[in-house]
C-alpha cells in the first residue's frame, strides 16, 4: 500500500474511532468513571523546592495535600484516594508517575508552591579595574559596572498547569502501554498495541485527557478567583518539574497555590485559614469535575 492510500485508511479509522468515542460518551454508563484520585505533594526529602523567609515548598505542599486528602475522603466516600507521599521523603518525577499509573489513577492532582526571583534595581555604579593588552603590553583600565539592590519580588497569585500540547506524544506512549485502555469498550477493542489503529486510539485518549485536564484546571482557578485570589490562569509548561503531568496515564493538573517568595503570601500559605481556603477551592473543583465526568446532576 502506498503512502497516499495508507493516509486515507488512517483517516477513516480515526473517524470511526471518534464516532465510537462519541457514542460511548452519550450512552449511559454503569458506575463512576472517576474511581481513584492520586494526590501528590510536590518535592520532599532532599528536594525542598522553593524557599521563603521561614518555610519551604516541601513542607507546605505536604500540609495542604494531607488536608486535601482528608477533606475529599469525607465528602467523596465512594472514591479511593492515594497520596504519593505522607512524610518528608523524595520521589523523582518518574517514581511519582509510576505510583499514579500503578494505582490505576483516574485523576492526578499535584500540589505545588510558586516562587519568583528577587527584583534587581540599579542604585549606582562603581569603577572596577581590569587589564587590557595595548600594543602587546598589559595595561590597567577601569570600567563602570552597575551596583544592584535586590528586593523580594511582589508577584502573587495562583495558577494551574497542564502538560504542554507539544508533549502529547509522551502521553500517548504511556497510554498505549496501559492495559486499562487496550480493551476499553468506550473506544474499541484493538488487541495489537503496535498497530496504526492502536496508536490512533491512544492519541484520542491523550486528546481527551488534555481536554479534561484543562477543564479541571479552569474550574480550580475559577474557585480561587471566587474566593478573592488573583489568578494567572491555566498555563502549559514542559520543563522537568511538570514531567509528571505528561507521564501519568490520566487527566493531570499541577496547582501552584501561591508565591512563597512574597512575604504576605508565605504567611497566608502557612496559616490555618489560608490552607483551609486553598484546599476548599481545589476540593470544590474536583467534586464538580467528578460530577460532570460521571454524568451526575450537580
C-alpha atoms as a PDB file:
ATOM      1  CA  UNK A   1       0.000   0.000   0.000  1.00  0.00           C
ATOM      2  CA  UNK A   2       1.436   3.376  -0.964  1.00  0.00           C
ATOM      3  CA  UNK A   3       1.669   6.306   1.445  1.00  0.00           C
ATOM      4  CA  UNK A   4      -1.332   8.100  -0.059  1.00  0.00           C
ATOM      5  CA  UNK A   5      -3.646   5.111   0.398  1.00  0.00           C
ATOM      6  CA  UNK A   6      -2.293   4.453   3.909  1.00  0.00           C
ATOM      7  CA  UNK A   7      -3.111   8.038   4.884  1.00  0.00           C
ATOM      8  CA  UNK A   8      -6.677   7.567   3.635  1.00  0.00           C
ATOM      9  CA  UNK A   9      -7.049   4.376   5.673  1.00  0.00           C
ATOM     10  CA  UNK A  10      -5.773   6.064   8.836  1.00  0.00           C
ATOM     11  CA  UNK A  11      -8.165   8.988   8.367  1.00  0.00           C
ATOM     12  CA  UNK A  12     -11.097   6.582   8.010  1.00  0.00           C
ATOM     13  CA  UNK A  13     -10.012   4.673  11.130  1.00  0.00           C
ATOM     14  CA  UNK A  14      -9.735   7.966  13.054  1.00  0.00           C
ATOM     15  CA  UNK A  15     -13.272   8.968  12.066  1.00  0.00           C
ATOM     16  CA  UNK A  16     -14.626   5.559  13.082  1.00  0.00           C
ATOM     17  CA  UNK A  17     -12.892   5.704  16.458  1.00  0.00           C
ATOM     18  CA  UNK A  18     -14.044   9.261  17.124  1.00  0.00           C
ATOM     19  CA  UNK A  19     -17.586   8.170  16.330  1.00  0.00           C
ATOM     20  CA  UNK A  20     -17.343   5.269  18.729  1.00  0.00           C
ATOM     21  CA  UNK A  21     -15.954   7.515  21.476  1.00  0.00           C
ATOM     22  CA  UNK A  22     -18.784   9.991  20.942  1.00  0.00           C
ATOM     23  CA  UNK A  23     -21.379   7.210  21.057  1.00  0.00           C
ATOM     24  CA  UNK A  24     -19.732   5.842  24.173  1.00  0.00           C
ATOM     25  CA  UNK A  25     -19.931   9.224  25.886  1.00  0.00           C
ATOM     26  CA  UNK A  26     -23.613   9.557  25.050  1.00  0.00           C
ATOM     27  CA  UNK A  27     -24.590   6.073  26.157  1.00  0.00           C
ATOM     28  CA  UNK A  28     -25.444   5.527  29.809  1.00  0.00           C
ATOM     29  CA  UNK A  29     -22.596   4.024  31.818  1.00  0.00           C
ATOM     30  CA  UNK A  30     -22.633   1.849  34.914  1.00  0.00           C
ATOM     31  CA  UNK A  31     -20.796   3.131  37.944  1.00  0.00           C
ATOM     32  CA  UNK A  32     -18.489   6.145  38.325  1.00  0.00           C
ATOM     33  CA  UNK A  33     -15.703   6.854  35.851  1.00  0.00           C
ATOM     34  CA  UNK A  34     -13.562   8.566  38.498  1.00  0.00           C
ATOM     35  CA  UNK A  35     -12.808   5.813  40.978  1.00  0.00           C
ATOM     36  CA  UNK A  36      -9.263   6.623  42.105  1.00  0.00           C
ATOM     37  CA  UNK A  37      -7.686  10.054  42.605  1.00  0.00           C
ATOM     38  CA  UNK A  38      -3.954  10.492  43.145  1.00  0.00           C
ATOM     39  CA  UNK A  39      -2.812  13.398  45.339  1.00  0.00           C
ATOM     40  CA  UNK A  40       0.834  14.382  45.010  1.00  0.00           C
ATOM     41  CA  UNK A  41       2.612  16.714  47.433  1.00  0.00           C
ATOM     42  CA  UNK A  42       5.359  18.332  45.377  1.00  0.00           C
ATOM     43  CA  UNK A  43       9.053  17.950  46.272  1.00  0.00           C
ATOM     44  CA  UNK A  44      10.134  16.472  49.637  1.00  0.00           C
ATOM     45  CA  UNK A  45      13.163  14.957  51.306  1.00  0.00           C
ATOM     46  CA  UNK A  46      16.420  16.046  49.673  1.00  0.00           C
ATOM     47  CA  UNK A  47      14.433  18.328  47.341  1.00  0.00           C
ATOM     48  CA  UNK A  48      12.780  21.025  49.444  1.00  0.00           C
ATOM     49  CA  UNK A  49      11.744  23.085  46.424  1.00  0.00           C
ATOM     50  CA  UNK A  50      11.236  26.827  46.717  1.00  0.00           C
ATOM     51  CA  UNK A  51      12.182  28.584  49.948  1.00  0.00           C
ATOM     52  CA  UNK A  52      10.552  31.516  51.676  1.00  0.00           C
ATOM     53  CA  UNK A  53      11.673  33.557  54.660  1.00  0.00           C
ATOM     54  CA  UNK A  54      10.890  30.752  57.107  1.00  0.00           C
ATOM     55  CA  UNK A  55       9.267  27.814  55.278  1.00  0.00           C
ATOM     56  CA  UNK A  56       9.849  25.528  52.308  1.00  0.00           C
ATOM     57  CA  UNK A  57       7.703  24.324  49.443  1.00  0.00           C
ATOM     58  CA  UNK A  58       8.050  20.680  50.518  1.00  0.00           C
ATOM     59  CA  UNK A  59       6.635  21.456  53.972  1.00  0.00           C
ATOM     60  CA  UNK A  60       3.687  23.437  52.652  1.00  0.00           C
ATOM     61  CA  UNK A  61       2.733  21.052  49.848  1.00  0.00           C
ATOM     62  CA  UNK A  62       2.632  18.107  52.249  1.00  0.00           C
ATOM     63  CA  UNK A  63       0.467  20.017  54.722  1.00  0.00           C
ATOM     64  CA  UNK A  64      -2.012  21.072  52.034  1.00  0.00           C
ATOM     65  CA  UNK A  65      -2.026  17.682  50.299  1.00  0.00           C
ATOM     66  CA  UNK A  66      -2.877  15.927  53.556  1.00  0.00           C
ATOM     67  CA  UNK A  67      -5.632  18.444  54.270  1.00  0.00           C
ATOM     68  CA  UNK A  68      -6.994  17.901  50.762  1.00  0.00           C
ATOM     69  CA  UNK A  69      -6.899  14.127  51.187  1.00  0.00           C
ATOM     70  CA  UNK A  70      -8.821  14.349  54.481  1.00  0.00           C
ATOM     71  CA  UNK A  71     -11.429  16.752  53.080  1.00  0.00           C
ATOM     72  CA  UNK A  72     -12.064  14.811  49.877  1.00  0.00           C
ATOM     73  CA  UNK A  73     -12.292  11.491  51.708  1.00  0.00           C
ATOM     74  CA  UNK A  74     -15.007  12.936  53.945  1.00  0.00           C
ATOM     75  CA  UNK A  75     -17.007  14.400  51.049  1.00  0.00           C
ATOM     76  CA  UNK A  76     -16.374  11.686  48.442  1.00  0.00           C
ATOM     77  CA  UNK A  77     -16.642   8.455  50.456  1.00  0.00           C
ATOM     78  CA  UNK A  78     -17.155   6.302  47.356  1.00  0.00           C
ATOM     79  CA  UNK A  79     -13.866   7.439  45.800  1.00  0.00           C
ATOM     80  CA  UNK A  80     -10.459   5.920  46.505  1.00  0.00           C
ATOM     81  CA  UNK A  81      -7.601   8.315  47.270  1.00  0.00           C
ATOM     82  CA  UNK A  82      -3.868   7.620  47.071  1.00  0.00           C
ATOM     83  CA  UNK A  83      -1.154  10.006  48.248  1.00  0.00           C
ATOM     84  CA  UNK A  84       2.288   9.730  46.661  1.00  0.00           C
ATOM     85  CA  UNK A  85       3.858  10.699  49.973  1.00  0.00           C
ATOM     86  CA  UNK A  86       2.693  11.294  53.542  1.00  0.00           C
ATOM     87  CA  UNK A  87       6.107  12.123  55.032  1.00  0.00           C
ATOM     88  CA  UNK A  88       9.097  14.254  54.097  1.00  0.00           C
ATOM     89  CA  UNK A  89      10.591  11.865  51.529  1.00  0.00           C
ATOM     90  CA  UNK A  90      11.803  12.353  47.965  1.00  0.00           C
ATOM     91  CA  UNK A  91      10.419  10.733  44.831  1.00  0.00           C
ATOM     92  CA  UNK A  92      11.722  11.731  41.432  1.00  0.00           C
ATOM     93  CA  UNK A  93       9.056  12.628  38.830  1.00  0.00           C
ATOM     94  CA  UNK A  94       9.287   9.178  37.214  1.00  0.00           C
ATOM     95  CA  UNK A  95       8.587   7.472  40.542  1.00  0.00           C
ATOM     96  CA  UNK A  96       5.609   9.740  41.168  1.00  0.00           C
ATOM     97  CA  UNK A  97       4.157   8.912  37.749  1.00  0.00           C
ATOM     98  CA  UNK A  98       4.779   5.195  38.298  1.00  0.00           C
ATOM     99  CA  UNK A  99       2.878   5.317  41.599  1.00  0.00           C
ATOM    100  CA  UNK A 100      -0.082   7.026  39.924  1.00  0.00           C
ATOM    101  CA  UNK A 101      -0.154   4.605  36.986  1.00  0.00           C
ATOM    102  CA  UNK A 102       0.341   1.503  39.151  1.00  0.00           C
ATOM    103  CA  UNK A 103      -2.588   2.562  41.358  1.00  0.00           C
ATOM    104  CA  UNK A 104      -4.779   2.925  38.233  1.00  0.00           C
ATOM    105  CA  UNK A 105      -5.494   6.562  38.947  1.00  0.00           C
ATOM    106  CA  UNK A 106      -8.296   8.311  37.078  1.00  0.00           C
ATOM    107  CA  UNK A 107      -7.107  11.786  38.060  1.00  0.00           C
ATOM    108  CA  UNK A 108      -3.756  13.213  39.178  1.00  0.00           C
ATOM    109  CA  UNK A 109      -3.632  16.282  41.454  1.00  0.00           C
ATOM    110  CA  UNK A 110      -0.198  17.757  42.102  1.00  0.00           C
ATOM    111  CA  UNK A 111       0.156  20.462  44.792  1.00  0.00           C
ATOM    112  CA  UNK A 112       2.978  22.989  44.498  1.00  0.00           C
ATOM    113  CA  UNK A 113       4.043  26.411  45.736  1.00  0.00           C
ATOM    114  CA  UNK A 114       5.387  29.022  43.346  1.00  0.00           C
ATOM    115  CA  UNK A 115       8.438  31.280  43.597  1.00  0.00           C
ATOM    116  CA  UNK A 116       9.728  34.351  41.800  1.00  0.00           C
ATOM    117  CA  UNK A 117      13.316  35.637  41.590  1.00  0.00           C
ATOM    118  CA  UNK A 118      14.122  38.831  43.530  1.00  0.00           C
ATOM    119  CA  UNK A 119      13.814  42.127  41.719  1.00  0.00           C
ATOM    120  CA  UNK A 120      17.094  43.869  40.951  1.00  0.00           C
ATOM    121  CA  UNK A 121      17.338  47.631  40.624  1.00  0.00           C
ATOM    122  CA  UNK A 122      20.407  49.716  39.779  1.00  0.00           C
ATOM    123  CA  UNK A 123      21.279  52.058  42.644  1.00  0.00           C
ATOM    124  CA  UNK A 124      24.599  53.357  41.295  1.00  0.00           C
ATOM    125  CA  UNK A 125      27.853  52.486  39.577  1.00  0.00           C
ATOM    126  CA  UNK A 126      31.360  51.610  40.621  1.00  0.00           C
ATOM    127  CA  UNK A 127      34.717  51.511  38.840  1.00  0.00           C
ATOM    128  CA  UNK A 128      36.266  48.074  38.570  1.00  0.00           C
ATOM    129  CA  UNK A 129      39.869  47.581  37.462  1.00  0.00           C
ATOM    130  CA  UNK A 130      40.586  45.260  34.595  1.00  0.00           C
ATOM    131  CA  UNK A 131      43.500  44.642  32.242  1.00  0.00           C
ATOM    132  CA  UNK A 132      43.703  45.026  28.516  1.00  0.00           C
ATOM    133  CA  UNK A 133      46.507  44.324  26.093  1.00  0.00           C
ATOM    134  CA  UNK A 134      47.635  47.524  24.416  1.00  0.00           C
ATOM    135  CA  UNK A 135      50.468  47.173  21.904  1.00  0.00           C
ATOM    136  CA  UNK A 136      51.378  43.841  23.414  1.00  0.00           C
ATOM    137  CA  UNK A 137      51.528  45.127  26.983  1.00  0.00           C
ATOM    138  CA  UNK A 138      49.025  44.706  29.809  1.00  0.00           C
ATOM    139  CA  UNK A 139      47.566  47.941  30.993  1.00  0.00           C
ATOM    140  CA  UNK A 140      45.201  48.549  33.881  1.00  0.00           C
ATOM    141  CA  UNK A 141      41.974  50.241  32.881  1.00  0.00           C
ATOM    142  CA  UNK A 142      38.780  50.964  34.738  1.00  0.00           C
ATOM    143  CA  UNK A 143      35.229  50.312  33.654  1.00  0.00           C
ATOM    144  CA  UNK A 144      31.928  51.268  35.223  1.00  0.00           C
ATOM    145  CA  UNK A 145      29.666  48.450  36.356  1.00  0.00           C
ATOM    146  CA  UNK A 146      26.215  48.834  37.894  1.00  0.00           C
ATOM    147  CA  UNK A 147      25.531  48.311  41.582  1.00  0.00           C
ATOM    148  CA  UNK A 148      22.344  46.334  42.140  1.00  0.00           C
ATOM    149  CA  UNK A 149      19.996  46.121  45.070  1.00  0.00           C
ATOM    150  CA  UNK A 150      17.836  43.019  45.431  1.00  0.00           C
ATOM    151  CA  UNK A 151      14.334  43.222  46.842  1.00  0.00           C
ATOM    152  CA  UNK A 152      11.695  40.481  47.224  1.00  0.00           C
ATOM    153  CA  UNK A 153       9.504  40.037  44.177  1.00  0.00           C
ATOM    154  CA  UNK A 154       5.967  41.259  44.950  1.00  0.00           C
ATOM    155  CA  UNK A 155       4.263  38.894  42.478  1.00  0.00           C
ATOM    156  CA  UNK A 156       1.447  36.838  43.996  1.00  0.00           C
ATOM    157  CA  UNK A 157      -1.467  34.640  42.984  1.00  0.00           C
ATOM    158  CA  UNK A 158      -2.343  31.161  41.769  1.00  0.00           C
ATOM    159  CA  UNK A 159      -2.033  29.225  38.523  1.00  0.00           C
ATOM    160  CA  UNK A 160      -2.793  25.679  37.423  1.00  0.00           C
ATOM    161  CA  UNK A 161      -0.654  23.862  34.900  1.00  0.00           C
ATOM    162  CA  UNK A 162      -1.430  21.148  32.365  1.00  0.00           C
ATOM    163  CA  UNK A 163       1.157  19.402  30.238  1.00  0.00           C
ATOM    164  CA  UNK A 164       2.253  21.278  27.143  1.00  0.00           C
ATOM    165  CA  UNK A 165       0.469  20.299  23.944  1.00  0.00           C
ATOM    166  CA  UNK A 166       3.810  19.584  22.257  1.00  0.00           C
ATOM    167  CA  UNK A 167       4.378  16.798  24.797  1.00  0.00           C
ATOM    168  CA  UNK A 168       1.293  14.805  23.826  1.00  0.00           C
ATOM    169  CA  UNK A 169       3.453  12.118  22.192  1.00  0.00           C
ATOM    170  CA  UNK A 170       4.859  11.212  25.617  1.00  0.00           C
ATOM    171  CA  UNK A 171       1.310  10.950  26.988  1.00  0.00           C
ATOM    172  CA  UNK A 172       0.317   8.748  24.046  1.00  0.00           C
ATOM    173  CA  UNK A 173       3.251   6.360  24.630  1.00  0.00           C
ATOM    174  CA  UNK A 174       2.179   5.821  28.222  1.00  0.00           C
ATOM    175  CA  UNK A 175      -1.466   5.344  27.348  1.00  0.00           C
ATOM    176  CA  UNK A 176      -0.787   2.783  24.624  1.00  0.00           C
ATOM    177  CA  UNK A 177       1.040   0.587  27.172  1.00  0.00           C
ATOM    178  CA  UNK A 178      -1.695   0.879  29.802  1.00  0.00           C
ATOM    179  CA  UNK A 179      -3.907  -2.215  29.898  1.00  0.00           C
ATOM    180  CA  UNK A 180      -6.901  -0.150  31.019  1.00  0.00           C
ATOM    181  CA  UNK A 181      -7.108   1.430  27.563  1.00  0.00           C
ATOM    182  CA  UNK A 182      -6.148  -1.571  25.434  1.00  0.00           C
ATOM    183  CA  UNK A 183      -9.605  -3.127  25.630  1.00  0.00           C
ATOM    184  CA  UNK A 184     -11.838  -0.278  26.709  1.00  0.00           C
ATOM    185  CA  UNK A 185     -15.279  -0.559  25.136  1.00  0.00           C
ATOM    186  CA  UNK A 186     -15.508   3.232  25.245  1.00  0.00           C
ATOM    187  CA  UNK A 187     -13.134   3.327  22.287  1.00  0.00           C
ATOM    188  CA  UNK A 188     -12.719  -0.034  20.587  1.00  0.00           C
ATOM    189  CA  UNK A 189     -11.111  -3.413  21.220  1.00  0.00           C
ATOM    190  CA  UNK A 190      -7.741  -3.409  19.457  1.00  0.00           C
ATOM    191  CA  UNK A 191      -5.517  -6.264  20.611  1.00  0.00           C
ATOM    192  CA  UNK A 192      -2.354  -5.278  18.697  1.00  0.00           C
ATOM    193  CA  UNK A 193      -0.871  -2.245  20.515  1.00  0.00           C
ATOM    194  CA  UNK A 194       1.673  -1.738  17.705  1.00  0.00           C
ATOM    195  CA  UNK A 195      -0.987  -1.311  15.042  1.00  0.00           C
ATOM    196  CA  UNK A 196      -1.881   2.077  13.486  1.00  0.00           C
ATOM    197  CA  UNK A 197      -5.376   1.695  14.970  1.00  0.00           C
ATOM    198  CA  UNK A 198      -3.937   1.352  18.488  1.00  0.00           C
ATOM    199  CA  UNK A 199      -1.754   4.419  18.056  1.00  0.00           C
ATOM    200  CA  UNK A 200      -4.729   6.456  16.841  1.00  0.00           C
ATOM    201  CA  UNK A 201      -6.810   5.223  19.773  1.00  0.00           C
ATOM    202  CA  UNK A 202      -4.066   6.235  22.217  1.00  0.00           C
ATOM    203  CA  UNK A 203      -3.862   9.684  20.629  1.00  0.00           C
ATOM    204  CA  UNK A 204      -7.611  10.073  21.023  1.00  0.00           C
ATOM    205  CA  UNK A 205      -7.324   9.181  24.710  1.00  0.00           C
ATOM    206  CA  UNK A 206      -4.471  11.676  25.039  1.00  0.00           C
ATOM    207  CA  UNK A 207      -6.614  14.407  23.489  1.00  0.00           C
ATOM    208  CA  UNK A 208      -9.485  13.521  25.810  1.00  0.00           C
ATOM    209  CA  UNK A 209      -7.184  13.650  28.850  1.00  0.00           C
ATOM    210  CA  UNK A 210      -5.803  17.015  27.742  1.00  0.00           C
ATOM    211  CA  UNK A 211      -9.304  18.436  27.327  1.00  0.00           C
ATOM    212  CA  UNK A 212     -10.370  17.188  30.755  1.00  0.00           C
ATOM    213  CA  UNK A 213      -7.154  18.437  32.358  1.00  0.00           C
ATOM    214  CA  UNK A 214      -7.811  21.927  31.006  1.00  0.00           C
ATOM    215  CA  UNK A 215     -11.428  21.673  32.161  1.00  0.00           C
ATOM    216  CA  UNK A 216     -10.436  20.817  35.734  1.00  0.00           C
ATOM    217  CA  UNK A 217      -7.623  23.394  35.768  1.00  0.00           C
ATOM    218  CA  UNK A 218     -10.089  26.096  34.704  1.00  0.00           C
ATOM    219  CA  UNK A 219     -12.532  25.029  37.403  1.00  0.00           C
ATOM    220  CA  UNK A 220      -9.800  25.195  40.061  1.00  0.00           C
ATOM    221  CA  UNK A 221      -8.765  28.697  39.009  1.00  0.00           C
ATOM    222  CA  UNK A 222     -12.409  29.798  38.936  1.00  0.00           C
ATOM    223  CA  UNK A 223     -12.759  28.633  42.538  1.00  0.00           C
ATOM    224  CA  UNK A 224      -9.661  30.606  43.549  1.00  0.00           C
ATOM    225  CA  UNK A 225     -10.999  33.737  41.856  1.00  0.00           C
ATOM    226  CA  UNK A 226     -14.367  33.271  43.545  1.00  0.00           C
ATOM    227  CA  UNK A 227     -12.512  33.217  46.854  1.00  0.00           C
ATOM    228  CA  UNK A 228     -10.795  36.522  46.123  1.00  0.00           C
ATOM    229  CA  UNK A 229      -7.418  35.212  44.947  1.00  0.00           C
ATOM    230  CA  UNK A 230      -5.516  36.615  41.987  1.00  0.00           C
ATOM    231  CA  UNK A 231      -5.296  34.013  39.201  1.00  0.00           C
ATOM    232  CA  UNK A 232      -2.681  33.761  36.464  1.00  0.00           C
ATOM    233  CA  UNK A 233      -4.952  31.260  34.744  1.00  0.00           C
ATOM    234  CA  UNK A 234      -4.429  27.857  33.162  1.00  0.00           C
ATOM    235  CA  UNK A 235      -0.904  27.509  31.799  1.00  0.00           C
ATOM    236  CA  UNK A 236       1.146  24.986  29.829  1.00  0.00           C
ATOM    237  CA  UNK A 237       4.711  24.105  30.653  1.00  0.00           C
ATOM    238  CA  UNK A 238       7.010  21.236  29.704  1.00  0.00           C
ATOM    239  CA  UNK A 239      10.147  21.506  31.825  1.00  0.00           C
ATOM    240  CA  UNK A 240      11.232  18.729  34.191  1.00  0.00           C
ATOM    241  CA  UNK A 241       9.137  19.927  37.116  1.00  0.00           C
ATOM    242  CA  UNK A 242       5.983  19.343  35.086  1.00  0.00           C
ATOM    243  CA  UNK A 243       7.103  15.979  33.677  1.00  0.00           C
ATOM    244  CA  UNK A 244       4.677  14.054  35.911  1.00  0.00           C
ATOM    245  CA  UNK A 245       1.747  15.582  34.044  1.00  0.00           C
ATOM    246  CA  UNK A 246       2.693  14.035  30.720  1.00  0.00           C
ATOM    247  CA  UNK A 247       3.883  10.723  32.224  1.00  0.00           C
ATOM    248  CA  UNK A 248       0.657   9.922  34.067  1.00  0.00           C
ATOM    249  CA  UNK A 249      -1.936   7.958  32.092  1.00  0.00           C
ATOM    250  CA  UNK A 250      -4.874  10.084  33.194  1.00  0.00           C
ATOM    251  CA  UNK A 251      -6.015  13.719  33.277  1.00  0.00           C
ATOM    252  CA  UNK A 252      -3.477  15.617  35.368  1.00  0.00           C
ATOM    253  CA  UNK A 253      -3.057  19.109  36.791  1.00  0.00           C
ATOM    254  CA  UNK A 254      -0.408  20.864  38.862  1.00  0.00           C
ATOM    255  CA  UNK A 255      -1.700  23.603  41.172  1.00  0.00           C
ATOM    256  CA  UNK A 256       0.597  26.487  42.124  1.00  0.00           C
ATOM    257  CA  UNK A 257      -1.129  27.643  45.297  1.00  0.00           C
ATOM    258  CA  UNK A 258       0.773  30.902  45.835  1.00  0.00           C
ATOM    259  CA  UNK A 259       4.194  32.565  45.888  1.00  0.00           C
ATOM    260  CA  UNK A 260       6.332  31.609  48.871  1.00  0.00           C
ATOM    261  CA  UNK A 261       8.763  34.407  47.931  1.00  0.00           C
ATOM    262  CA  UNK A 262       6.111  37.017  48.694  1.00  0.00           C
ATOM    263  CA  UNK A 263       6.073  37.590  52.475  1.00  0.00           C
ATOM    264  CA  UNK A 264       2.328  38.164  52.667  1.00  0.00           C
ATOM    265  CA  UNK A 265       1.570  35.055  50.618  1.00  0.00           C
ATOM    266  CA  UNK A 266       4.059  32.987  52.607  1.00  0.00           C
ATOM    267  CA  UNK A 267       2.159  33.976  55.754  1.00  0.00           C
ATOM    268  CA  UNK A 268      -1.125  33.070  54.039  1.00  0.00           C
ATOM    269  CA  UNK A 269       0.207  29.712  52.806  1.00  0.00           C
ATOM    270  CA  UNK A 270       1.367  28.856  56.337  1.00  0.00           C
ATOM    271  CA  UNK A 271      -1.803  29.975  58.078  1.00  0.00           C
ATOM    272  CA  UNK A 272      -4.622  27.677  59.152  1.00  0.00           C
ATOM    273  CA  UNK A 273      -7.188  29.837  57.385  1.00  0.00           C
ATOM    274  CA  UNK A 274      -5.120  30.141  54.214  1.00  0.00           C
ATOM    275  CA  UNK A 275      -4.597  26.407  53.856  1.00  0.00           C
ATOM    276  CA  UNK A 276      -8.269  25.719  54.533  1.00  0.00           C
ATOM    277  CA  UNK A 277      -9.324  28.192  51.827  1.00  0.00           C
ATOM    278  CA  UNK A 278      -6.851  26.798  49.291  1.00  0.00           C
ATOM    279  CA  UNK A 279      -7.858  23.189  49.938  1.00  0.00           C
ATOM    280  CA  UNK A 280     -11.561  24.070  49.881  1.00  0.00           C
ATOM    281  CA  UNK A 281     -11.175  25.727  46.476  1.00  0.00           C
ATOM    282  CA  UNK A 282      -9.401  22.700  44.998  1.00  0.00           C
ATOM    283  CA  UNK A 283     -11.880  20.267  46.580  1.00  0.00           C
ATOM    284  CA  UNK A 284     -14.884  22.199  45.238  1.00  0.00           C
ATOM    285  CA  UNK A 285     -13.481  21.991  41.712  1.00  0.00           C
ATOM    286  CA  UNK A 286     -12.667  18.277  41.999  1.00  0.00           C
ATOM    287  CA  UNK A 287     -16.157  17.436  43.290  1.00  0.00           C
ATOM    288  CA  UNK A 288     -17.830  19.386  40.469  1.00  0.00           C
ATOM    289  CA  UNK A 289     -15.477  17.856  37.901  1.00  0.00           C
ATOM    290  CA  UNK A 290     -16.265  14.320  39.046  1.00  0.00           C
ATOM    291  CA  UNK A 291     -19.998  15.034  38.869  1.00  0.00           C
ATOM    292  CA  UNK A 292     -19.583  16.200  35.259  1.00  0.00           C
ATOM    293  CA  UNK A 293     -17.429  13.237  34.204  1.00  0.00           C
ATOM    294  CA  UNK A 294     -19.650  10.732  35.983  1.00  0.00           C
ATOM    295  CA  UNK A 295     -22.709  12.321  34.400  1.00  0.00           C
ATOM    296  CA  UNK A 296     -24.394  13.065  37.699  1.00  0.00           C
ATOM    297  CA  UNK A 297     -26.605  16.133  38.244  1.00  0.00           C
ATOM    298  CA  UNK A 298     -24.908  18.973  40.107  1.00  0.00           C
END
